[in-house]
Structures are given as C-alpha cells and as structure tokens.
C-alpha cells in the first residue's frame, strides 16, 4: 500500500542545503529537473510521541555520535549543541546553511529501521 515517504525541508537557502546533503553528507540523488535534487535517505523509522500541539521533527541516526561529530566537523559542519545524554540516546544538533537544524543521535533503544 504505502511504498515510501517523501520528506520536504523548507529552506532560506535551498541550493546551499542541497550542496550540504550532496557533498557533505554524500547522499545519492536524482535531478527531478531544473536542479531540484531529490535525495535517497538512509533507512528510516517513525515514532509517535505525545505532545501539546502537532509537529514533526527530523532526527538523523548514527552508530557512534562522537565519531560522526568529529567527521562532520572536519567537513565544516556547525553543531549548535554539545552531545548530551538524554536517556534514550546521545543527542546533538547540526545547522543547515538555510537556517534549519537536524538533530543527530545515537540511539540506546532498539531500532526498527532494519526490520
């Protein structure tokens, strides 16, 4: 029935963020026409958390957050918060050129993305 998901990031500098995803993170992509790149994401999972108002968040996952932070910092990525233990994992955040942020975390819980 559902065979995929398409995530859209709204950005003040879409071209810079496309370059970041393509060149810094190295994600494979297709050109949908006119330079509109669509990127293949790593395996994903979705969770539903209680909250006061509906919202969505994007968390990138890794096996070793400290090593990933070191590697991305060497590639010029700016992190907006230190790595913090939050019970369910180790978490930080990185800034996109267009003003957005991604959280990055190393989960301590069972993951569903490889089921």
PDB file of N, CA and C in Angstrom:
ATOM      1  N   UNK A   1       0.827  -1.182   0.000  1.00  0.00           N
ATOM      2  CA  UNK A   1       0.000   0.000   0.000  1.00  0.00           C
ATOM      3  C   UNK A   1       0.877   1.253   0.000  1.00  0.00           C
ATOM      4  N   UNK A   2       1.562   1.557   1.104  1.00  0.00           N
ATOM      5  CA  UNK A   2       2.495   2.696   1.159  1.00  0.00           C
ATOM      6  C   UNK A   2       3.875   2.137   0.833  1.00  0.00           C
ATOM      7  N   UNK A   3       4.566   2.734  -0.124  1.00  0.00           N
ATOM      8  CA  UNK A   3       5.864   2.184  -0.519  1.00  0.00           C
ATOM      9  C   UNK A   3       7.033   3.122  -0.242  1.00  0.00           C
ATOM     10  N   UNK A   4       6.790   4.230   0.435  1.00  0.00           N
ATOM     11  CA  UNK A   4       7.876   5.150   0.750  1.00  0.00           C
ATOM     12  C   UNK A   4       7.341   6.403   1.407  1.00  0.00           C
ATOM     13  N   UNK A   5       8.251   7.292   1.722  1.00  0.00           N
ATOM     14  CA  UNK A   5       7.907   8.585   2.308  1.00  0.00           C
ATOM     15  C   UNK A   5       8.780   9.639   1.653  1.00  0.00           C
ATOM     16  N   UNK A   6       8.252  10.839   1.509  1.00  0.00           N
ATOM     17  CA  UNK A   6       8.985  11.951   0.899  1.00  0.00           C
ATOM     18  C   UNK A   6       9.020  13.090   1.908  1.00  0.00           C
ATOM     19  N   UNK A   7      10.185  13.443   2.340  1.00  0.00           N
ATOM     20  CA  UNK A   7      10.375  14.499   3.326  1.00  0.00           C
ATOM     21  C   UNK A   7      10.755  15.773   2.589  1.00  0.00           C
ATOM     22  N   UNK A   8      10.160  16.896   2.946  1.00  0.00           N
ATOM     23  CA  UNK A   8      10.484  18.186   2.338  1.00  0.00           C
ATOM     24  C   UNK A   8      11.051  19.102   3.410  1.00  0.00           C
ATOM     25  N   UNK A   9      12.189  19.707   3.116  1.00  0.00           N
ATOM     26  CA  UNK A   9      12.797  20.699   4.006  1.00  0.00           C
ATOM     27  C   UNK A   9      12.601  22.054   3.340  1.00  0.00           C
ATOM     28  N   UNK A  10      11.940  22.960   4.009  1.00  0.00           N
ATOM     29  CA  UNK A  10      11.806  24.333   3.517  1.00  0.00           C
ATOM     30  C   UNK A  10      13.004  25.117   4.030  1.00  0.00           C
ATOM     31  N   UNK A  11      13.658  25.854   3.132  1.00  0.00           N
ATOM     32  CA  UNK A  11      14.937  26.470   3.459  1.00  0.00           C
ATOM     33  C   UNK A  11      15.024  27.883   2.904  1.00  0.00           C
ATOM     34  N   UNK A  12      15.733  28.749   3.639  1.00  0.00           N
ATOM     35  CA  UNK A  12      16.013  30.095   3.124  1.00  0.00           C
ATOM     36  C   UNK A  12      17.107  30.068   2.076  1.00  0.00           C
ATOM     37  N   UNK A  13      17.886  28.975   2.015  1.00  0.00           N
ATOM     38  CA  UNK A  13      18.946  28.827   1.008  1.00  0.00           C
ATOM     39  C   UNK A  13      18.956  27.379   0.539  1.00  0.00           C
ATOM     40  N   UNK A  14      17.971  27.040  -0.296  1.00  0.00           N
ATOM     41  CA  UNK A  14      17.788  25.658  -0.736  1.00  0.00           C
ATOM     42  C   UNK A  14      19.013  25.125  -1.468  1.00  0.00           C
ATOM     43  N   UNK A  15      19.644  25.940  -2.297  1.00  0.00           N
ATOM     44  CA  UNK A  15      20.811  25.470  -3.043  1.00  0.00           C
ATOM     45  C   UNK A  15      21.941  25.080  -2.096  1.00  0.00           C
ATOM     46  N   UNK A  16      22.209  25.894  -1.085  1.00  0.00           N
ATOM     47  CA  UNK A  16      23.271  25.568  -0.125  1.00  0.00           C
ATOM     48  C   UNK A  16      22.939  24.293   0.641  1.00  0.00           C
ATOM     49  N   UNK A  17      21.676  24.115   0.995  1.00  0.00           N
ATOM     50  CA  UNK A  17      21.302  22.898   1.720  1.00  0.00           C
ATOM     51  C   UNK A  17      21.367  21.671   0.814  1.00  0.00           C
ATOM     52  N   UNK A  18      21.058  21.824  -0.477  1.00  0.00           N
ATOM     53  CA  UNK A  18      21.221  20.709  -1.422  1.00  0.00           C
ATOM     54  C   UNK A  18      22.696  20.327  -1.543  1.00  0.00           C
ATOM     55  N   UNK A  19      23.560  21.325  -1.615  1.00  0.00           N
ATOM     56  CA  UNK A  19      25.005  21.071  -1.684  1.00  0.00           C
ATOM     57  C   UNK A  19      25.458  20.340  -0.428  1.00  0.00           C
ATOM     58  N   UNK A  20      24.953  20.754   0.738  1.00  0.00           N
ATOM     59  CA  UNK A  20      25.300  20.099   2.002  1.00  0.00           C
ATOM     60  C   UNK A  20      24.909  18.621   1.966  1.00  0.00           C
ATOM     61  N   UNK A  21      23.680  18.331   1.576  1.00  0.00           N
ATOM     62  CA  UNK A  21      23.221  16.945   1.537  1.00  0.00           C
ATOM     63  C   UNK A  21      24.010  16.128   0.512  1.00  0.00           C
ATOM     64  N   UNK A  22      24.325  16.744  -0.621  1.00  0.00           N
ATOM     65  CA  UNK A  22      25.043  16.053  -1.691  1.00  0.00           C
ATOM     66  C   UNK A  22      26.526  15.889  -1.372  1.00  0.00           C
ATOM     67  N   UNK A  23      27.199  16.982  -0.998  1.00  0.00           N
ATOM     68  CA  UNK A  23      28.657  16.963  -0.880  1.00  0.00           C
ATOM     69  C   UNK A  23      29.177  16.647   0.515  1.00  0.00           C
ATOM     70  N   UNK A  24      28.485  17.112   1.542  1.00  0.00           N
ATOM     71  CA  UNK A  24      28.968  16.879   2.908  1.00  0.00           C
ATOM     72  C   UNK A  24      28.471  15.538   3.431  1.00  0.00           C
ATOM     73  N   UNK A  25      27.168  15.287   3.321  1.00  0.00           N
ATOM     74  CA  UNK A  25      26.648  14.003   3.786  1.00  0.00           C
ATOM     75  C   UNK A  25      26.817  12.901   2.744  1.00  0.00           C
ATOM     76  N   UNK A  26      27.013  13.284   1.487  1.00  0.00           N
ATOM     77  CA  UNK A  26      27.268  12.302   0.442  1.00  0.00           C
ATOM     78  C   UNK A  26      26.066  11.453   0.060  1.00  0.00           C
ATOM     79  N   UNK A  27      24.864  11.996   0.218  1.00  0.00           N
ATOM     80  CA  UNK A  27      23.669  11.219  -0.089  1.00  0.00           C
ATOM     81  C   UNK A  27      23.455  11.117  -1.598  1.00  0.00           C
ATOM     82  N   UNK A  28      23.171   9.917  -2.115  1.00  0.00           N
ATOM     83  CA  UNK A  28      22.860   9.764  -3.532  1.00  0.00           C
ATOM     84  C   UNK A  28      21.582  10.544  -3.863  1.00  0.00           C
ATOM     85  N   UNK A  29      21.466  10.941  -5.141  1.00  0.00           N
ATOM     86  CA  UNK A  29      20.321  11.774  -5.508  1.00  0.00           C
ATOM     87  C   UNK A  29      19.983  11.612  -6.983  1.00  0.00           C
ATOM     88  N   UNK A  30      18.814  12.088  -7.335  1.00  0.00           N
ATOM     89  CA  UNK A  30      18.401  12.230  -8.727  1.00  0.00           C
ATOM     90  C   UNK A  30      18.038  13.698  -8.926  1.00  0.00           C
ATOM     91  N   UNK A  31      18.144  14.149 -10.164  1.00  0.00           N
ATOM     92  CA  UNK A  31      17.717  15.501 -10.505  1.00  0.00           C
ATOM     93  C   UNK A  31      16.314  15.379 -11.076  1.00  0.00           C
ATOM     94  N   UNK A  32      15.344  15.930 -10.359  1.00  0.00           N
ATOM     95  CA  UNK A  32      13.944  15.854 -10.784  1.00  0.00           C
ATOM     96  C   UNK A  32      13.654  16.867 -11.880  1.00  0.00           C
ATOM     97  N   UNK A  33      14.655  17.647 -12.255  1.00  0.00           N
ATOM     98  CA  UNK A  33      14.516  18.653 -13.305  1.00  0.00           C
ATOM     99  C   UNK A  33      14.868  20.028 -12.791  1.00  0.00           C
ATOM    100  N   UNK A  34      15.653  20.763 -13.555  1.00  0.00           N
ATOM    101  CA  UNK A  34      15.987  22.130 -13.184  1.00  0.00           C
ATOM    102  C   UNK A  34      16.832  22.257 -11.934  1.00  0.00           C
ATOM    103  N   UNK A  35      17.597  21.225 -11.594  1.00  0.00           N
ATOM    104  CA  UNK A  35      18.439  21.288 -10.404  1.00  0.00           C
ATOM    105  C   UNK A  35      17.720  20.947  -9.101  1.00  0.00           C
ATOM    106  N   UNK A  36      16.474  20.506  -9.185  1.00  0.00           N
ATOM    107  CA  UNK A  36      15.736  20.097  -7.989  1.00  0.00           C
ATOM    108  C   UNK A  36      16.176  18.685  -7.632  1.00  0.00           C
ATOM    109  N   UNK A  37      17.128  18.588  -6.710  1.00  0.00           N
ATOM    110  CA  UNK A  37      17.663  17.295  -6.320  1.00  0.00           C
ATOM    111  C   UNK A  37      16.758  16.622  -5.305  1.00  0.00           C
ATOM    112  N   UNK A  38      16.544  15.331  -5.501  1.00  0.00           N
ATOM    113  CA  UNK A  38      15.785  14.506  -4.559  1.00  0.00           C
ATOM    114  C   UNK A  38      16.764  13.448  -4.056  1.00  0.00           C
ATOM    115  N   UNK A  39      16.935  13.374  -2.739  1.00  0.00           N
ATOM    116  CA  UNK A  39      17.968  12.545  -2.132  1.00  0.00           C
ATOM    117  C   UNK A  39      17.407  11.242  -1.592  1.00  0.00           C
ATOM    118  N   UNK A  40      18.207  10.199  -1.744  1.00  0.00           N
ATOM    119  CA  UNK A  40      17.907   8.931  -1.100  1.00  0.00           C
ATOM    120  C   UNK A  40      18.297   9.071   0.365  1.00  0.00           C
ATOM    121  N   UNK A  41      17.378   8.768   1.237  1.00  0.00           N
ATOM    122  CA  UNK A  41      17.668   8.825   2.662  1.00  0.00           C
ATOM    123  C   UNK A  41      18.206   7.487   3.150  1.00  0.00           C
ATOM    124  N   UNK A  42      18.919   7.521   4.272  1.00  0.00           N
ATOM    125  CA  UNK A  42      19.290   6.258   4.915  1.00  0.00           C
ATOM    126  C   UNK A  42      18.006   5.560   5.383  1.00  0.00           C
ATOM    127  N   UNK A  43      18.098   4.284   5.776  1.00  0.00           N
ATOM    128  CA  UNK A  43      16.912   3.618   6.321  1.00  0.00           C
ATOM    129  C   UNK A  43      16.276   4.483   7.410  1.00  0.00           C
ATOM    130  N   UNK A  44      14.969   4.431   7.498  1.00  0.00           N
ATOM    131  CA  UNK A  44      14.248   5.331   8.406  1.00  0.00           C
ATOM    132  C   UNK A  44      13.248   4.564   9.257  1.00  0.00           C
ATOM    133  N   UNK A  45      12.780   5.233  10.277  1.00  0.00           N
ATOM    134  CA  UNK A  45      11.699   4.734  11.123  1.00  0.00           C
ATOM    135  C   UNK A  45      10.894   5.933  11.592  1.00  0.00           C
ATOM    136  N   UNK A  46       9.722   5.700  12.107  1.00  0.00           N
ATOM    137  CA  UNK A  46       8.853   6.787  12.569  1.00  0.00           C
ATOM    138  C   UNK A  46       8.289   6.414  13.934  1.00  0.00           C
ATOM    139  N   UNK A  47       8.168   7.391  14.792  1.00  0.00           N
ATOM    140  CA  UNK A  47       7.600   7.191  16.126  1.00  0.00           C
ATOM    141  C   UNK A  47       6.563   8.278  16.367  1.00  0.00           C
ATOM    142  N   UNK A  48       5.612   8.005  17.223  1.00  0.00           N
ATOM    143  CA  UNK A  48       4.587   8.982  17.592  1.00  0.00           C
ATOM    144  C   UNK A  48       4.726   9.258  19.082  1.00  0.00           C
ATOM    145  N   UNK A  49       4.948  10.522  19.414  1.00  0.00           N
ATOM    146  CA  UNK A  49       5.118  10.938  20.808  1.00  0.00           C
ATOM    147  C   UNK A  49       3.954  11.831  21.204  1.00  0.00           C
ATOM    148  N   UNK A  50       3.556  11.798  22.476  1.00  0.00           N
ATOM    149  CA  UNK A  50       2.502  12.721  22.908  1.00  0.00           C
ATOM    150  C   UNK A  50       3.030  14.148  22.902  1.00  0.00           C
ATOM    151  N   UNK A  51       2.142  15.100  22.684  1.00  0.00           N
ATOM    152  CA  UNK A  51       2.569  16.495  22.677  1.00  0.00           C
ATOM    153  C   UNK A  51       1.382  17.427  22.729  1.00  0.00           C
ATOM    154  N   UNK A  52       1.643  18.657  23.088  1.00  0.00           N
ATOM    155  CA  UNK A  52       0.595  19.655  23.212  1.00  0.00           C
ATOM    156  C   UNK A  52       0.055  20.144  21.886  1.00  0.00           C
ATOM    157  N   UNK A  53       0.929  20.223  20.868  1.00  0.00           N
ATOM    158  CA  UNK A  53       0.471  20.668  19.561  1.00  0.00           C
ATOM    159  C   UNK A  53       1.149  19.813  18.492  1.00  0.00           C
ATOM    160  N   UNK A  54       0.462  19.517  17.414  1.00  0.00           N
ATOM    161  CA  UNK A  54       1.042  18.679  16.370  1.00  0.00           C
ATOM    162  C   UNK A  54       2.290  19.322  15.763  1.00  0.00           C
ATOM    163  N   UNK A  55       3.330  18.526  15.576  1.00  0.00           N
ATOM    164  CA  UNK A  55       4.558  18.990  14.944  1.00  0.00           C
ATOM    165  C   UNK A  55       5.326  17.776  14.449  1.00  0.00           C
ATOM    166  N   UNK A  56       6.382  18.026  13.675  1.00  0.00           N
ATOM    167  CA  UNK A  56       7.239  16.967  13.158  1.00  0.00           C
ATOM    168  C   UNK A  56       8.686  17.342  13.420  1.00  0.00           C
ATOM    169  N   UNK A  57       9.532  16.347  13.622  1.00  0.00           N
ATOM    170  CA  UNK A  57      10.960  16.574  13.809  1.00  0.00           C
ATOM    171  C   UNK A  57      11.722  15.570  12.956  1.00  0.00           C
ATOM    172  N   UNK A  58      12.926  15.936  12.540  1.00  0.00           N
ATOM    173  CA  UNK A  58      13.796  15.019  11.823  1.00  0.00           C
ATOM    174  C   UNK A  58      15.038  14.779  12.665  1.00  0.00           C
ATOM    175  N   UNK A  59      15.279  13.530  12.991  1.00  0.00           N
ATOM    176  CA  UNK A  59      16.482  13.110  13.706  1.00  0.00           C
ATOM    177  C   UNK A  59      17.271  12.198  12.784  1.00  0.00           C
ATOM    178  N   UNK A  60      18.536  12.512  12.556  1.00  0.00           N
ATOM    179  CA  UNK A  60      19.433  11.612  11.842  1.00  0.00           C
ATOM    180  C   UNK A  60      20.050  10.682  12.874  1.00  0.00           C
ATOM    181  N   UNK A  61      20.204   9.413  12.512  1.00  0.00           N
ATOM    182  CA  UNK A  61      20.719   8.415  13.448  1.00  0.00           C
ATOM    183  C   UNK A  61      22.128   7.991  13.030  1.00  0.00           C
ATOM    184  N   UNK A  62      22.933   7.615  14.023  1.00  0.00           N
ATOM    185  CA  UNK A  62      24.284   7.116  13.746  1.00  0.00           C
ATOM    186  C   UNK A  62      24.643   6.075  14.805  1.00  0.00           C
ATOM    187  N   UNK A  63      25.699   5.310  14.521  1.00  0.00           N
ATOM    188  CA  UNK A  63      26.155   4.289  15.471  1.00  0.00           C
ATOM    189  C   UNK A  63      27.075   4.842  16.542  1.00  0.00           C
ATOM    190  N   UNK A  64      27.805   5.921  16.223  1.00  0.00           N
ATOM    191  CA  UNK A  64      28.776   6.499  17.150  1.00  0.00           C
ATOM    192  C   UNK A  64      28.720   8.016  16.997  1.00  0.00           C
ATOM    193  N   UNK A  65      27.979   8.674  17.863  1.00  0.00           N
ATOM    194  CA  UNK A  65      27.754  10.115  17.711  1.00  0.00           C
ATOM    195  C   UNK A  65      29.046  10.913  17.826  1.00  0.00           C
ATOM    196  N   UNK A  66      29.958  10.527  18.709  1.00  0.00           N
ATOM    197  CA  UNK A  66      31.200  11.281  18.859  1.00  0.00           C
ATOM    198  C   UNK A  66      32.041  11.202  17.580  1.00  0.00           C
ATOM    199  N   UNK A  67      32.157  10.019  16.994  1.00  0.00           N
ATOM    200  CA  UNK A  67      32.918   9.860  15.749  1.00  0.00           C
ATOM    201  C   UNK A  67      32.247  10.614  14.606  1.00  0.00           C
ATOM    202  N   UNK A  68      30.926  10.580  14.549  1.00  0.00           N
ATOM    203  CA  UNK A  68      30.194  11.284  13.492  1.00  0.00           C
ATOM    204  C   UNK A  68      30.360  12.791  13.632  1.00  0.00           C
ATOM    205  N   UNK A  69      30.301  13.299  14.849  1.00  0.00           N
ATOM    206  CA  UNK A  69      30.514  14.736  15.079  1.00  0.00           C
ATOM    207  C   UNK A  69      31.917  15.128  14.633  1.00  0.00           C
ATOM    208  N   UNK A  70      32.918  14.330  14.979  1.00  0.00           N
ATOM    209  CA  UNK A  70      34.295  14.643  14.564  1.00  0.00           C
ATOM    210  C   UNK A  70      34.412  14.668  13.036  1.00  0.00           C
ATOM    211  N   UNK A  71      33.849  13.663  12.378  1.00  0.00           N
ATOM    212  CA  UNK A  71      33.931  13.591  10.920  1.00  0.00           C
ATOM    213  C   UNK A  71      33.216  14.766  10.253  1.00  0.00           C
ATOM    214  N   UNK A  72      32.015  15.084  10.721  1.00  0.00           N
ATOM    215  CA  UNK A  72      31.262  16.183  10.120  1.00  0.00           C
ATOM    216  C   UNK A  72      31.873  17.543  10.448  1.00  0.00           C
ATOM    217  N   UNK A  73      32.421  17.698  11.627  1.00  0.00           N
ATOM    218  CA  UNK A  73      33.102  18.949  11.981  1.00  0.00           C
ATOM    219  C   UNK A  73      34.296  19.170  11.052  1.00  0.00           C
ATOM    220  N   UNK A  74      35.030  18.102  10.741  1.00  0.00           N
ATOM    221  CA  UNK A  74      36.158  18.207   9.818  1.00  0.00           C
ATOM    222  C   UNK A  74      35.697  18.611   8.418  1.00  0.00           C
ATOM    223  N   UNK A  75      34.431  18.351   8.093  1.00  0.00           N
ATOM    224  CA  UNK A  75      33.873  18.737   6.795  1.00  0.00           C
ATOM    225  C   UNK A  75      33.218  20.123   6.847  1.00  0.00           C
ATOM    226  N   UNK A  76      33.357  20.817   7.977  1.00  0.00           N
ATOM    227  CA  UNK A  76      32.852  22.180   8.083  1.00  0.00           C
ATOM    228  C   UNK A  76      31.453  22.312   8.660  1.00  0.00           C
ATOM    229  N   UNK A  77      30.895  21.240   9.195  1.00  0.00           N
ATOM    230  CA  UNK A  77      29.548  21.292   9.757  1.00  0.00           C
ATOM    231  C   UNK A  77      29.590  21.985  11.111  1.00  0.00           C
ATOM    232  N   UNK A  78      28.600  22.854  11.356  1.00  0.00           N
ATOM    233  CA  UNK A  78      28.474  23.561  12.639  1.00  0.00           C
ATOM    234  C   UNK A  78      27.460  22.833  13.505  1.00  0.00           C
ATOM    235  N   UNK A  79      27.859  22.490  14.711  1.00  0.00           N
ATOM    236  CA  UNK A  79      26.944  21.878  15.675  1.00  0.00           C
ATOM    237  C   UNK A  79      26.455  22.956  16.626  1.00  0.00           C
ATOM    238  N   UNK A  80      25.161  22.939  16.916  1.00  0.00           N
ATOM    239  CA  UNK A  80      24.545  24.003  17.700  1.00  0.00           C
ATOM    240  C   UNK A  80      24.356  23.638  19.165  1.00  0.00           C
ATOM    241  N   UNK A  81      24.661  22.399  19.510  1.00  0.00           N
ATOM    242  CA  UNK A  81      24.591  21.996  20.919  1.00  0.00           C
ATOM    243  C   UNK A  81      25.568  20.857  21.141  1.00  0.00           C
ATOM    244  N   UNK A  82      26.070  20.736  22.359  1.00  0.00           N
ATOM    245  CA  UNK A  82      27.002  19.646  22.645  1.00  0.00           C
ATOM    246  C   UNK A  82      26.263  18.304  22.676  1.00  0.00           C
ATOM    247  N   UNK A  83      27.026  17.236  22.546  1.00  0.00           N
ATOM    248  CA  UNK A  83      26.443  15.898  22.693  1.00  0.00           C
ATOM    249  C   UNK A  83      25.969  15.753  24.130  1.00  0.00           C
ATOM    250  N   UNK A  84      24.706  15.363  24.275  1.00  0.00           N
ATOM    251  CA  UNK A  84      24.075  15.248  25.591  1.00  0.00           C
ATOM    252  C   UNK A  84      23.428  13.879  25.723  1.00  0.00           C
ATOM    253  N   UNK A  85      23.539  13.283  26.905  1.00  0.00           N
ATOM    254  CA  UNK A  85      22.848  12.032  27.188  1.00  0.00           C
ATOM    255  C   UNK A  85      21.403  12.349  27.552  1.00  0.00           C
ATOM    256  N   UNK A  86      20.463  11.765  26.818  1.00  0.00           N
ATOM    257  CA  UNK A  86      19.048  12.044  27.062  1.00  0.00           C
ATOM    258  C   UNK A  86      18.266  10.777  27.418  1.00  0.00           C
ATOM    259  N   UNK A  87      18.926   9.786  27.969  1.00  0.00           N
ATOM    260  CA  UNK A  87      18.264   8.559  28.381  1.00  0.00           C
ATOM    261  C   UNK A  87      18.062   7.589  27.230  1.00  0.00           C
ATOM    262  N   UNK A  88      17.323   7.997  26.225  1.00  0.00           N
ATOM    263  CA  UNK A  88      17.057   7.137  25.061  1.00  0.00           C
ATOM    264  C   UNK A  88      18.192   7.171  24.045  1.00  0.00           C
ATOM    265  N   UNK A  89      19.217   8.030  24.292  1.00  0.00           N
ATOM    266  CA  UNK A  89      20.346   8.093  23.380  1.00  0.00           C
ATOM    267  C   UNK A  89      21.271   9.245  23.682  1.00  0.00           C
ATOM    268  N   UNK A  90      22.242   9.433  22.819  1.00  0.00           N
ATOM    269  CA  UNK A  90      23.157  10.567  22.883  1.00  0.00           C
ATOM    270  C   UNK A  90      22.775  11.487  21.740  1.00  0.00           C
ATOM    271  N   UNK A  91      22.551  12.779  22.007  1.00  0.00           N
ATOM    272  CA  UNK A  91      21.935  13.683  21.040  1.00  0.00           C
ATOM    273  C   UNK A  91      22.726  14.969  20.895  1.00  0.00           C
ATOM    274  N   UNK A  92      22.721  15.500  19.670  1.00  0.00           N
ATOM    275  CA  UNK A  92      23.262  16.816  19.369  1.00  0.00           C
ATOM    276  C   UNK A  92      22.433  17.394  18.226  1.00  0.00           C
ATOM    277  N   UNK A  93      22.803  18.554  17.725  1.00  0.00           N
ATOM    278  CA  UNK A  93      22.093  19.158  16.588  1.00  0.00           C
ATOM    279  C   UNK A  93      23.099  19.847  15.686  1.00  0.00           C
ATOM    280  N   UNK A  94      22.824  19.821  14.391  1.00  0.00           N
ATOM    281  CA  UNK A  94      23.693  20.489  13.428  1.00  0.00           C
ATOM    282  C   UNK A  94      22.887  21.485  12.618  1.00  0.00           C
ATOM    283  N   UNK A  95      23.560  22.558  12.202  1.00  0.00           N
ATOM    284  CA  UNK A  95      22.900  23.647  11.490  1.00  0.00           C
ATOM    285  C   UNK A  95      23.039  23.467   9.989  1.00  0.00           C
ATOM    286  N   UNK A  96      21.954  23.720   9.275  1.00  0.00           N
ATOM    287  CA  UNK A  96      21.967  23.769   7.819  1.00  0.00           C
ATOM    288  C   UNK A  96      22.231  25.201   7.383  1.00  0.00           C
ATOM    289  N   UNK A  97      22.786  25.376   6.207  1.00  0.00           N
ATOM    290  CA  UNK A  97      23.095  26.724   5.706  1.00  0.00           C
ATOM    291  C   UNK A  97      21.837  27.570   5.544  1.00  0.00           C
ATOM    292  N   UNK A  98      20.705  26.937   5.242  1.00  0.00           N
ATOM    293  CA  UNK A  98      19.461  27.659   5.024  1.00  0.00           C
ATOM    294  C   UNK A  98      18.704  28.011   6.295  1.00  0.00           C
ATOM    295  N   UNK A  99      19.318  27.780   7.464  1.00  0.00           N
ATOM    296  CA  UNK A  99      18.705  28.188   8.721  1.00  0.00           C
ATOM    297  C   UNK A  99      18.087  27.071   9.534  1.00  0.00           C
ATOM    298  N   UNK A 100      17.860  25.914   8.928  1.00  0.00           N
ATOM    299  CA  UNK A 100      17.255  24.800   9.655  1.00  0.00           C
ATOM    300  C   UNK A 100      18.280  24.035  10.472  1.00  0.00           C
ATOM    301  N   UNK A 101      17.782  23.090  11.227  1.00  0.00           N
ATOM    302  CA  UNK A 101      18.644  22.218  12.027  1.00  0.00           C
ATOM    303  C   UNK A 101      18.152  20.783  11.912  1.00  0.00           C
ATOM    304  N   UNK A 102      19.089  19.850  12.020  1.00  0.00           N
ATOM    305  CA  UNK A 102      18.792  18.431  12.171  1.00  0.00           C
ATOM    306  C   UNK A 102      19.297  18.024  13.538  1.00  0.00           C
ATOM    307  N   UNK A 103      18.561  17.196  14.231  1.00  0.00           N
ATOM    308  CA  UNK A 103      19.116  16.536  15.405  1.00  0.00           C
ATOM    309  C   UNK A 103      19.860  15.304  14.911  1.00  0.00           C
ATOM    310  N   UNK A 104      20.922  14.955  15.593  1.00  0.00           N
ATOM    311  CA  UNK A 104      21.704  13.757  15.309  1.00  0.00           C
ATOM    312  C   UNK A 104      21.775  12.981  16.602  1.00  0.00           C
ATOM    313  N   UNK A 105      21.474  11.677  16.519  1.00  0.00           N
ATOM    314  CA  UNK A 105      21.568  10.918  17.761  1.00  0.00           C
ATOM    315  C   UNK A 105      22.005   9.484  17.549  1.00  0.00           C
ATOM    316  N   UNK A 106      22.593   8.973  18.622  1.00  0.00           N
ATOM    317  CA  UNK A 106      22.997   7.577  18.717  1.00  0.00           C
ATOM    318  C   UNK A 106      21.992   6.921  19.644  1.00  0.00           C
ATOM    319  N   UNK A 107      21.083   6.096  19.100  1.00  0.00           N
ATOM    320  CA  UNK A 107      20.031   5.532  19.948  1.00  0.00           C
ATOM    321  C   UNK A 107      20.558   4.519  20.954  1.00  0.00           C
ATOM    322  N   UNK A 108      19.899   4.487  22.089  1.00  0.00           N
ATOM    323  CA  UNK A 108      20.145   3.464  23.108  1.00  0.00           C
ATOM    324  C   UNK A 108      18.958   2.501  23.172  1.00  0.00           C
ATOM    325  N   UNK A 109      17.994   2.702  22.334  1.00  0.00           N
ATOM    326  CA  UNK A 109      16.793   1.860  22.300  1.00  0.00           C
ATOM    327  C   UNK A 109      16.868   0.933  21.091  1.00  0.00           C
ATOM    328  N   UNK A 110      16.067  -0.133  21.067  1.00  0.00           N
ATOM    329  CA  UNK A 110      16.020  -0.969  19.866  1.00  0.00           C
ATOM    330  C   UNK A 110      15.556  -0.125  18.682  1.00  0.00           C
ATOM    331  N   UNK A 111      16.146  -0.358  17.514  1.00  0.00           N
ATOM    332  CA  UNK A 111      15.781   0.408  16.321  1.00  0.00           C
ATOM    333  C   UNK A 111      14.933  -0.469  15.393  1.00  0.00           C
ATOM    334  N   UNK A 112      14.053   0.206  14.647  1.00  0.00           N
ATOM    335  CA  UNK A 112      13.155  -0.504  13.740  1.00  0.00           C
ATOM    336  C   UNK A 112      13.568  -0.381  12.282  1.00  0.00           C
ATOM    337  N   UNK A 113      14.522   0.494  11.969  1.00  0.00           N
ATOM    338  CA  UNK A 113      14.820   0.788  10.565  1.00  0.00           C
ATOM    339  C   UNK A 113      15.401  -0.378   9.782  1.00  0.00           C
ATOM    340  N   UNK A 114      15.863  -1.408  10.450  1.00  0.00           N
ATOM    341  CA  UNK A 114      16.427  -2.547   9.713  1.00  0.00           C
ATOM    342  C   UNK A 114      15.567  -3.802   9.814  1.00  0.00           C
ATOM    343  N   UNK A 115      14.319  -3.637  10.209  1.00  0.00           N
ATOM    344  CA  UNK A 115      13.417  -4.803  10.297  1.00  0.00           C
ATOM    345  C   UNK A 115      13.116  -5.358   8.918  1.00  0.00           C
TER     346      UNK A 115
END
